[in-house]
Amino acid sequence: MLTNPAMLERSTLPMHLYAFLLIALLTSCGQTAPTPTPERRTLQAVGGQPLPATVIDKIYEDPGVPPYRFKVIVLEGWFKLEGNQYQQEVVFRDIAEGYPTRRWIWSEFGTCTPSGDKLYCESGFIQNYRFEITPQDNTLNVQQDFTDPALQATYTFRR
């Protein structure tokens, strides 16, 4: 029989701790992931190719250097259009001779102006960078080159 109050408190403390942990576990199980905002669309395809999509695949032959194969692959991205403001981010991977060499992110923002059935957009971050968007239902077809003509393609974003 336990008659010492200090022993009684020590013996019930773990039980309270277990009850608290059980309640915390049960309430956290009902949590769901945040849903994307309706304005944000994810990149689905580049030039009609599903992701990951190759946008450059070229063999370079520079003087004094053995020929080598260089690729740029688009891995993922998103585009958010809210009113006349946009934000975007596209992730690329460079591969030289089959070895990943660099992962880089194009991230910027700006404004779009409607004209007919298109939107003409201008970066507020990169000077003189412009592109056009053709919206279709939940899809944005964005014709852009990320300041490099070799990356020019239609980047398709969907909700």
N, C-alpha and C. Protein backbone atom coordinates (compact mmCIF):
# COMPACT_ATOMS: atom_id res chain seq x y z
N MET A 1 0.83 -1.16 0.00
CA MET A 1 0.00 0.00 0.00
C MET A 1 0.89 1.24 0.00
N LEU A 2 0.58 2.21 -0.85
CA LEU A 2 1.35 3.44 -0.95
C LEU A 2 0.77 4.46 0.03
N THR A 3 1.61 4.88 0.92
CA THR A 3 1.14 5.88 1.87
C THR A 3 1.93 7.16 1.75
N ASN A 4 3.07 7.11 1.11
CA ASN A 4 3.91 8.29 0.94
C ASN A 4 3.37 9.12 -0.24
N PRO A 5 2.90 10.40 -0.02
CA PRO A 5 2.35 11.21 -1.12
C PRO A 5 3.36 11.46 -2.23
N ALA A 6 4.65 11.58 -1.92
CA ALA A 6 5.66 11.80 -2.95
C ALA A 6 5.72 10.61 -3.89
N MET A 7 5.60 9.41 -3.35
CA MET A 7 5.60 8.20 -4.18
C MET A 7 4.35 8.16 -5.05
N LEU A 8 3.23 8.61 -4.52
CA LEU A 8 1.98 8.61 -5.27
C LEU A 8 2.08 9.55 -6.48
N GLU A 9 2.65 10.77 -6.29
CA GLU A 9 2.81 11.70 -7.39
C GLU A 9 3.75 11.15 -8.46
N ARG A 10 4.86 10.54 -8.04
CA ARG A 10 5.80 9.98 -9.02
C ARG A 10 5.19 8.84 -9.80
N SER A 11 4.34 8.07 -9.20
CA SER A 11 3.78 6.91 -9.89
C SER A 11 2.70 7.32 -10.89
N THR A 12 2.02 8.46 -10.67
CA THR A 12 0.97 8.88 -11.61
C THR A 12 1.50 9.82 -12.70
N LEU A 13 2.65 10.39 -12.51
CA LEU A 13 3.20 11.31 -13.51
C LEU A 13 3.38 10.65 -14.87
N PRO A 14 3.97 9.48 -14.96
CA PRO A 14 4.08 8.87 -16.29
C PRO A 14 2.72 8.61 -16.93
N MET A 15 1.71 8.27 -16.14
CA MET A 15 0.39 8.00 -16.70
C MET A 15 -0.18 9.28 -17.32
N HIS A 16 0.00 10.44 -16.66
CA HIS A 16 -0.46 11.71 -17.23
C HIS A 16 0.30 12.03 -18.51
N LEU A 17 1.58 11.77 -18.50
CA LEU A 17 2.40 12.03 -19.68
C LEU A 17 1.94 11.15 -20.84
N TYR A 18 1.68 9.88 -20.60
CA TYR A 18 1.20 8.99 -21.66
C TYR A 18 -0.17 9.43 -22.17
N ALA A 19 -1.04 9.87 -21.29
CA ALA A 19 -2.37 10.32 -21.71
C ALA A 19 -2.25 11.57 -22.59
N PHE A 20 -1.38 12.49 -22.20
CA PHE A 20 -1.17 13.70 -23.00
C PHE A 20 -0.63 13.35 -24.38
N LEU A 21 0.36 12.47 -24.44
CA LEU A 21 0.94 12.07 -25.73
C LEU A 21 -0.09 11.37 -26.60
N LEU A 22 -0.93 10.55 -26.00
CA LEU A 22 -1.97 9.85 -26.75
C LEU A 22 -2.97 10.85 -27.35
N ILE A 23 -3.38 11.83 -26.55
CA ILE A 23 -4.31 12.85 -27.04
C ILE A 23 -3.67 13.66 -28.17
N ALA A 24 -2.41 14.04 -28.00
CA ALA A 24 -1.71 14.80 -29.04
C ALA A 24 -1.61 13.99 -30.33
N LEU A 25 -1.31 12.71 -30.22
CA LEU A 25 -1.20 11.84 -31.40
C LEU A 25 -2.53 11.70 -32.11
N LEU A 26 -3.59 11.49 -31.35
CA LEU A 26 -4.91 11.31 -31.96
C LEU A 26 -5.41 12.58 -32.63
N THR A 27 -5.15 13.75 -32.03
CA THR A 27 -5.62 14.98 -32.66
C THR A 27 -4.79 15.35 -33.88
N SER A 28 -3.53 14.98 -33.90
CA SER A 28 -2.70 15.33 -35.06
C SER A 28 -2.97 14.42 -36.25
N CYS A 29 -3.51 13.25 -36.04
CA CYS A 29 -3.79 12.33 -37.14
C CYS A 29 -4.85 12.88 -38.08
N GLY A 30 -5.74 13.74 -37.60
CA GLY A 30 -6.79 14.28 -38.43
C GLY A 30 -6.35 15.47 -39.26
N GLN A 31 -5.12 15.89 -39.16
CA GLN A 31 -4.63 17.05 -39.89
C GLN A 31 -4.49 16.71 -41.37
N THR A 32 -4.79 17.68 -42.22
CA THR A 32 -4.61 17.49 -43.66
C THR A 32 -3.60 18.50 -44.17
N ALA A 33 -3.01 18.18 -45.29
CA ALA A 33 -2.04 19.09 -45.90
C ALA A 33 -2.76 20.34 -46.40
N PRO A 34 -2.08 21.49 -46.39
CA PRO A 34 -2.72 22.69 -46.90
C PRO A 34 -3.05 22.55 -48.38
N THR A 35 -4.18 23.09 -48.77
CA THR A 35 -4.58 23.01 -50.17
C THR A 35 -3.99 24.19 -50.92
N PRO A 36 -3.60 23.99 -52.17
CA PRO A 36 -3.04 25.10 -52.94
C PRO A 36 -4.10 26.15 -53.21
N THR A 37 -3.68 27.40 -53.32
CA THR A 37 -4.62 28.47 -53.61
C THR A 37 -5.09 28.34 -55.05
N PRO A 38 -6.29 28.79 -55.35
CA PRO A 38 -6.79 28.65 -56.73
C PRO A 38 -5.97 29.43 -57.74
N GLU A 39 -5.25 30.45 -57.30
CA GLU A 39 -4.47 31.25 -58.23
C GLU A 39 -3.16 30.58 -58.61
N ARG A 40 -2.70 29.63 -57.82
CA ARG A 40 -1.40 29.00 -58.06
C ARG A 40 -1.56 27.73 -58.90
N ARG A 41 -0.79 27.66 -59.95
CA ARG A 41 -0.83 26.50 -60.85
C ARG A 41 0.54 25.85 -60.86
N THR A 42 0.56 24.53 -61.02
CA THR A 42 1.83 23.82 -61.06
C THR A 42 2.22 23.53 -62.50
N LEU A 43 3.52 23.50 -62.74
CA LEU A 43 4.03 23.22 -64.07
C LEU A 43 3.79 21.75 -64.40
N GLN A 44 3.17 21.51 -65.55
CA GLN A 44 2.83 20.16 -65.97
C GLN A 44 3.66 19.68 -67.16
N ALA A 45 3.99 20.60 -68.06
CA ALA A 45 4.69 20.20 -69.29
C ALA A 45 5.48 21.38 -69.84
N VAL A 46 6.50 21.05 -70.61
CA VAL A 46 7.30 22.06 -71.32
C VAL A 46 7.42 21.61 -72.76
N GLY A 47 6.96 22.46 -73.68
CA GLY A 47 6.99 22.11 -75.10
C GLY A 47 6.23 20.83 -75.39
N GLY A 48 5.17 20.57 -74.63
CA GLY A 48 4.37 19.36 -74.82
C GLY A 48 4.92 18.13 -74.12
N GLN A 49 6.10 18.19 -73.53
CA GLN A 49 6.69 17.04 -72.81
C GLN A 49 6.32 17.10 -71.33
N PRO A 50 5.87 15.98 -70.76
CA PRO A 50 5.63 15.99 -69.31
C PRO A 50 6.94 16.13 -68.55
N LEU A 51 6.85 16.59 -67.31
CA LEU A 51 8.05 16.75 -66.48
C LEU A 51 8.57 15.41 -65.99
N PRO A 52 9.87 15.27 -65.81
CA PRO A 52 10.93 16.21 -66.16
C PRO A 52 11.09 16.28 -67.68
N ALA A 53 11.24 17.52 -68.16
CA ALA A 53 11.29 17.75 -69.61
C ALA A 53 12.65 18.31 -70.01
N THR A 54 13.21 17.73 -71.06
CA THR A 54 14.50 18.20 -71.57
C THR A 54 14.27 19.37 -72.51
N VAL A 55 14.93 20.51 -72.22
CA VAL A 55 14.79 21.68 -73.09
C VAL A 55 16.05 21.93 -73.91
N ILE A 56 17.18 21.43 -73.45
CA ILE A 56 18.43 21.50 -74.23
C ILE A 56 19.09 20.13 -74.17
N ASP A 57 19.47 19.62 -75.32
CA ASP A 57 20.24 18.37 -75.41
C ASP A 57 21.16 18.54 -76.61
N LYS A 58 22.40 18.93 -76.33
CA LYS A 58 23.30 19.33 -77.40
C LYS A 58 24.71 18.80 -77.14
N ILE A 59 25.41 18.49 -78.22
CA ILE A 59 26.82 18.12 -78.13
C ILE A 59 27.63 19.35 -78.50
N TYR A 60 28.46 19.78 -77.57
CA TYR A 60 29.30 20.96 -77.79
C TYR A 60 30.68 20.51 -78.24
N GLU A 61 31.20 21.20 -79.24
CA GLU A 61 32.54 20.93 -79.75
C GLU A 61 33.31 22.24 -79.75
N ASP A 62 33.97 22.51 -78.65
CA ASP A 62 34.75 23.73 -78.51
C ASP A 62 36.21 23.44 -78.84
N PRO A 63 36.91 24.40 -79.42
CA PRO A 63 38.33 24.20 -79.74
C PRO A 63 39.14 23.90 -78.47
N GLY A 64 39.98 22.90 -78.56
CA GLY A 64 40.85 22.54 -77.44
C GLY A 64 40.18 21.72 -76.36
N VAL A 65 38.91 21.39 -76.52
CA VAL A 65 38.17 20.61 -75.52
C VAL A 65 37.50 19.44 -76.22
N PRO A 66 37.59 18.25 -75.66
CA PRO A 66 36.88 17.12 -76.29
C PRO A 66 35.38 17.39 -76.35
N PRO A 67 34.68 16.89 -77.36
CA PRO A 67 33.24 17.11 -77.44
C PRO A 67 32.54 16.56 -76.18
N TYR A 68 31.52 17.28 -75.76
CA TYR A 68 30.76 16.81 -74.59
C TYR A 68 29.28 17.11 -74.78
N ARG A 69 28.46 16.27 -74.14
CA ARG A 69 27.01 16.42 -74.23
C ARG A 69 26.51 17.23 -73.03
N PHE A 70 25.66 18.20 -73.33
CA PHE A 70 25.11 19.07 -72.29
C PHE A 70 23.59 19.08 -72.39
N LYS A 71 22.93 18.90 -71.25
CA LYS A 71 21.47 18.89 -71.21
C LYS A 71 20.98 19.85 -70.13
N VAL A 72 19.81 20.42 -70.37
CA VAL A 72 19.09 21.18 -69.35
C VAL A 72 17.70 20.56 -69.26
N ILE A 73 17.33 20.21 -68.04
CA ILE A 73 16.05 19.56 -67.78
C ILE A 73 15.24 20.43 -66.83
N VAL A 74 13.95 20.59 -67.13
CA VAL A 74 13.04 21.29 -66.23
C VAL A 74 12.46 20.25 -65.28
N LEU A 75 12.62 20.51 -63.98
CA LEU A 75 12.18 19.55 -62.97
C LEU A 75 10.79 19.83 -62.41
N GLU A 76 10.52 21.10 -62.10
CA GLU A 76 9.24 21.45 -61.49
C GLU A 76 9.06 22.97 -61.56
N GLY A 77 7.87 23.43 -61.20
CA GLY A 77 7.64 24.86 -61.16
C GLY A 77 6.21 25.19 -60.80
N TRP A 78 5.95 26.47 -60.61
CA TRP A 78 4.61 26.96 -60.34
C TRP A 78 4.47 28.39 -60.86
N PHE A 79 3.23 28.79 -61.07
CA PHE A 79 2.91 30.13 -61.56
C PHE A 79 1.68 30.60 -60.82
N LYS A 80 1.74 31.79 -60.28
CA LYS A 80 0.61 32.35 -59.54
C LYS A 80 0.20 33.65 -60.21
N LEU A 81 -1.06 33.74 -60.58
CA LEU A 81 -1.62 34.92 -61.21
C LEU A 81 -2.76 35.41 -60.34
N GLU A 82 -2.61 36.61 -59.82
CA GLU A 82 -3.61 37.19 -58.93
C GLU A 82 -3.87 38.62 -59.39
N GLY A 83 -5.06 38.83 -59.98
CA GLY A 83 -5.33 40.13 -60.57
C GLY A 83 -4.40 40.34 -61.76
N ASN A 84 -3.66 41.45 -61.75
CA ASN A 84 -2.70 41.66 -62.84
C ASN A 84 -1.26 41.39 -62.37
N GLN A 85 -1.09 40.83 -61.19
CA GLN A 85 0.24 40.51 -60.65
C GLN A 85 0.53 39.02 -60.83
N TYR A 86 1.78 38.70 -61.14
CA TYR A 86 2.16 37.30 -61.24
C TYR A 86 3.45 37.06 -60.45
N GLN A 87 3.63 35.80 -60.08
CA GLN A 87 4.87 35.29 -59.51
C GLN A 87 5.11 33.93 -60.16
N GLN A 88 6.37 33.57 -60.34
CA GLN A 88 6.65 32.24 -60.89
C GLN A 88 7.98 31.73 -60.37
N GLU A 89 8.08 30.41 -60.41
CA GLU A 89 9.33 29.74 -60.06
C GLU A 89 9.43 28.47 -60.88
N VAL A 90 10.58 28.29 -61.55
CA VAL A 90 10.83 27.09 -62.35
C VAL A 90 12.21 26.58 -61.98
N VAL A 91 12.29 25.26 -61.74
CA VAL A 91 13.54 24.64 -61.31
C VAL A 91 14.15 23.86 -62.47
N PHE A 92 15.42 24.13 -62.74
CA PHE A 92 16.16 23.50 -63.83
C PHE A 92 17.31 22.67 -63.28
N ARG A 93 17.77 21.69 -64.06
CA ARG A 93 18.95 20.88 -63.73
C ARG A 93 19.83 20.82 -64.96
N ASP A 94 21.10 21.22 -64.81
CA ASP A 94 22.09 21.08 -65.88
C ASP A 94 22.78 19.73 -65.72
N ILE A 95 23.03 19.07 -66.85
CA ILE A 95 23.72 17.78 -66.84
C ILE A 95 24.79 17.81 -67.92
N ALA A 96 26.03 17.55 -67.54
CA ALA A 96 27.14 17.51 -68.50
C ALA A 96 27.71 16.10 -68.51
N GLU A 97 27.72 15.50 -69.69
CA GLU A 97 28.24 14.14 -69.85
C GLU A 97 27.58 13.16 -68.88
N GLY A 98 26.28 13.34 -68.63
CA GLY A 98 25.54 12.43 -67.77
C GLY A 98 25.64 12.72 -66.29
N TYR A 99 26.42 13.72 -65.90
CA TYR A 99 26.59 14.06 -64.49
C TYR A 99 25.85 15.35 -64.16
N PRO A 100 24.97 15.32 -63.16
CA PRO A 100 24.32 16.57 -62.75
C PRO A 100 25.37 17.57 -62.28
N THR A 101 25.34 18.76 -62.85
CA THR A 101 26.35 19.76 -62.49
C THR A 101 25.79 20.92 -61.71
N ARG A 102 24.54 21.28 -61.99
CA ARG A 102 24.00 22.45 -61.32
C ARG A 102 22.48 22.37 -61.32
N ARG A 103 21.88 22.74 -60.21
CA ARG A 103 20.43 22.89 -60.08
C ARG A 103 20.20 24.38 -59.87
N TRP A 104 19.34 24.97 -60.69
CA TRP A 104 19.11 26.41 -60.55
C TRP A 104 17.62 26.73 -60.66
N ILE A 105 17.26 27.84 -60.04
CA ILE A 105 15.85 28.23 -59.94
C ILE A 105 15.65 29.60 -60.58
N TRP A 106 14.68 29.67 -61.48
CA TRP A 106 14.26 30.95 -62.04
C TRP A 106 13.06 31.38 -61.19
N SER A 107 13.19 32.48 -60.48
CA SER A 107 12.13 32.96 -59.61
C SER A 107 11.99 34.46 -59.80
N GLU A 108 10.78 34.90 -60.16
CA GLU A 108 10.58 36.34 -60.38
C GLU A 108 9.10 36.68 -60.33
N PHE A 109 8.81 37.95 -60.49
CA PHE A 109 7.44 38.45 -60.37
C PHE A 109 7.27 39.64 -61.31
N GLY A 110 6.01 40.03 -61.52
CA GLY A 110 5.76 41.19 -62.37
C GLY A 110 4.28 41.44 -62.56
N THR A 111 3.94 42.12 -63.66
CA THR A 111 2.55 42.46 -63.95
C THR A 111 2.17 41.97 -65.35
N CYS A 112 0.87 41.72 -65.53
CA CYS A 112 0.34 41.28 -66.82
C CYS A 112 -0.77 42.23 -67.26
N THR A 113 -0.83 42.45 -68.57
CA THR A 113 -1.84 43.31 -69.15
C THR A 113 -2.64 42.50 -70.16
N PRO A 114 -3.98 42.46 -70.03
CA PRO A 114 -4.77 41.71 -71.01
C PRO A 114 -4.83 42.42 -72.36
N SER A 115 -4.82 41.62 -73.41
CA SER A 115 -4.98 42.13 -74.76
C SER A 115 -5.60 41.02 -75.60
N GLY A 116 -6.89 41.18 -75.91
CA GLY A 116 -7.59 40.11 -76.63
C GLY A 116 -7.71 38.89 -75.74
N ASP A 117 -7.33 37.73 -76.28
CA ASP A 117 -7.41 36.50 -75.50
C ASP A 117 -6.07 36.13 -74.85
N LYS A 118 -5.13 37.07 -74.80
CA LYS A 118 -3.80 36.81 -74.22
C LYS A 118 -3.51 37.80 -73.10
N LEU A 119 -2.49 37.46 -72.34
CA LEU A 119 -1.94 38.37 -71.33
C LEU A 119 -0.49 38.63 -71.71
N TYR A 120 -0.11 39.89 -71.69
CA TYR A 120 1.28 40.25 -71.95
C TYR A 120 1.90 40.66 -70.62
N CYS A 121 2.97 39.97 -70.24
CA CYS A 121 3.55 40.14 -68.92
C CYS A 121 4.95 40.74 -69.00
N GLU A 122 5.27 41.53 -67.99
CA GLU A 122 6.59 42.15 -67.90
C GLU A 122 7.10 41.98 -66.49
N SER A 123 8.34 41.55 -66.39
CA SER A 123 8.95 41.31 -65.09
C SER A 123 9.17 42.62 -64.35
N GLY A 124 8.91 42.58 -63.06
CA GLY A 124 9.23 43.69 -62.19
C GLY A 124 10.58 43.48 -61.54
N PHE A 125 11.24 42.40 -61.89
CA PHE A 125 12.50 42.02 -61.26
C PHE A 125 13.65 42.01 -62.26
N ILE A 126 13.39 41.49 -63.46
CA ILE A 126 14.43 41.38 -64.49
C ILE A 126 14.13 42.38 -65.60
N GLN A 127 15.01 43.31 -65.78
CA GLN A 127 14.81 44.40 -66.71
C GLN A 127 14.60 43.88 -68.15
N ASN A 128 13.58 44.40 -68.80
CA ASN A 128 13.24 44.09 -70.20
C ASN A 128 12.86 42.63 -70.44
N TYR A 129 12.44 41.90 -69.41
CA TYR A 129 12.00 40.53 -69.63
C TYR A 129 10.48 40.53 -69.79
N ARG A 130 10.02 40.06 -70.95
CA ARG A 130 8.60 40.03 -71.28
C ARG A 130 8.23 38.66 -71.86
N PHE A 131 6.97 38.29 -71.66
CA PHE A 131 6.46 37.04 -72.23
C PHE A 131 4.95 37.14 -72.32
N GLU A 132 4.34 36.15 -72.97
CA GLU A 132 2.89 36.16 -73.12
C GLU A 132 2.27 34.87 -72.58
N ILE A 133 1.02 35.01 -72.16
CA ILE A 133 0.25 33.89 -71.61
C ILE A 133 -1.03 33.74 -72.41
N THR A 134 -1.36 32.49 -72.73
CA THR A 134 -2.66 32.18 -73.32
C THR A 134 -3.43 31.36 -72.29
N PRO A 135 -4.40 31.98 -71.60
CA PRO A 135 -5.19 31.21 -70.62
C PRO A 135 -6.25 30.37 -71.32
N GLN A 136 -6.46 29.14 -70.81
CA GLN A 136 -7.50 28.24 -71.32
C GLN A 136 -8.04 27.44 -70.14
N ASP A 137 -9.26 27.76 -69.69
CA ASP A 137 -9.88 27.12 -68.53
C ASP A 137 -8.94 27.20 -67.32
N ASN A 138 -8.49 26.06 -66.81
CA ASN A 138 -7.60 26.01 -65.65
C ASN A 138 -6.13 25.95 -66.06
N THR A 139 -5.84 26.21 -67.32
CA THR A 139 -4.49 26.08 -67.85
C THR A 139 -3.94 27.44 -68.27
N LEU A 140 -2.65 27.64 -67.99
CA LEU A 140 -1.94 28.80 -68.51
C LEU A 140 -0.83 28.29 -69.40
N ASN A 141 -0.86 28.63 -70.67
CA ASN A 141 0.23 28.31 -71.59
C ASN A 141 1.11 29.56 -71.67
N VAL A 142 2.30 29.44 -71.12
CA VAL A 142 3.20 30.58 -71.00
C VAL A 142 4.34 30.41 -71.98
N GLN A 143 4.41 31.31 -72.94
CA GLN A 143 5.47 31.28 -73.96
C GLN A 143 6.61 32.15 -73.45
N GLN A 144 7.72 31.51 -73.04
CA GLN A 144 8.83 32.29 -72.50
C GLN A 144 10.16 31.59 -72.70
N ASP A 145 11.24 32.34 -72.46
CA ASP A 145 12.58 31.79 -72.71
C ASP A 145 13.56 31.99 -71.54
N PHE A 146 13.11 32.62 -70.46
CA PHE A 146 13.96 32.83 -69.28
C PHE A 146 15.28 33.52 -69.65
N THR A 147 15.21 34.47 -70.54
CA THR A 147 16.34 35.27 -71.06
C THR A 147 17.37 34.46 -71.84
N ASP A 148 17.07 33.22 -72.19
CA ASP A 148 17.98 32.39 -72.98
C ASP A 148 17.18 31.77 -74.12
N PRO A 149 17.44 32.16 -75.38
CA PRO A 149 16.67 31.62 -76.51
C PRO A 149 16.65 30.10 -76.56
N ALA A 150 17.68 29.44 -76.04
CA ALA A 150 17.71 27.98 -76.06
C ALA A 150 16.65 27.37 -75.15
N LEU A 151 16.13 28.13 -74.19
CA LEU A 151 15.11 27.63 -73.26
C LEU A 151 13.70 27.99 -73.69
N GLN A 152 13.57 28.60 -74.87
CA GLN A 152 12.27 29.04 -75.34
C GLN A 152 11.35 27.85 -75.60
N ALA A 153 10.16 27.93 -75.00
CA ALA A 153 9.16 26.86 -75.16
C ALA A 153 7.85 27.36 -74.56
N THR A 154 6.82 26.57 -74.72
CA THR A 154 5.56 26.82 -74.03
C THR A 154 5.58 26.03 -72.73
N TYR A 155 5.50 26.73 -71.63
CA TYR A 155 5.48 26.14 -70.29
C TYR A 155 4.01 26.09 -69.85
N THR A 156 3.49 24.88 -69.64
CA THR A 156 2.07 24.68 -69.34
C THR A 156 1.86 24.47 -67.85
N PHE A 157 1.08 25.38 -67.26
CA PHE A 157 0.77 25.33 -65.83
C PHE A 157 -0.71 25.04 -65.66
N ARG A 158 -1.06 24.14 -64.72
CA ARG A 158 -2.47 23.80 -64.46
C ARG A 158 -2.73 23.79 -62.97
N ARG A 159 -4.00 24.01 -62.64
CA ARG A 159 -4.43 23.92 -61.24
C ARG A 159 -4.47 22.50 -60.79
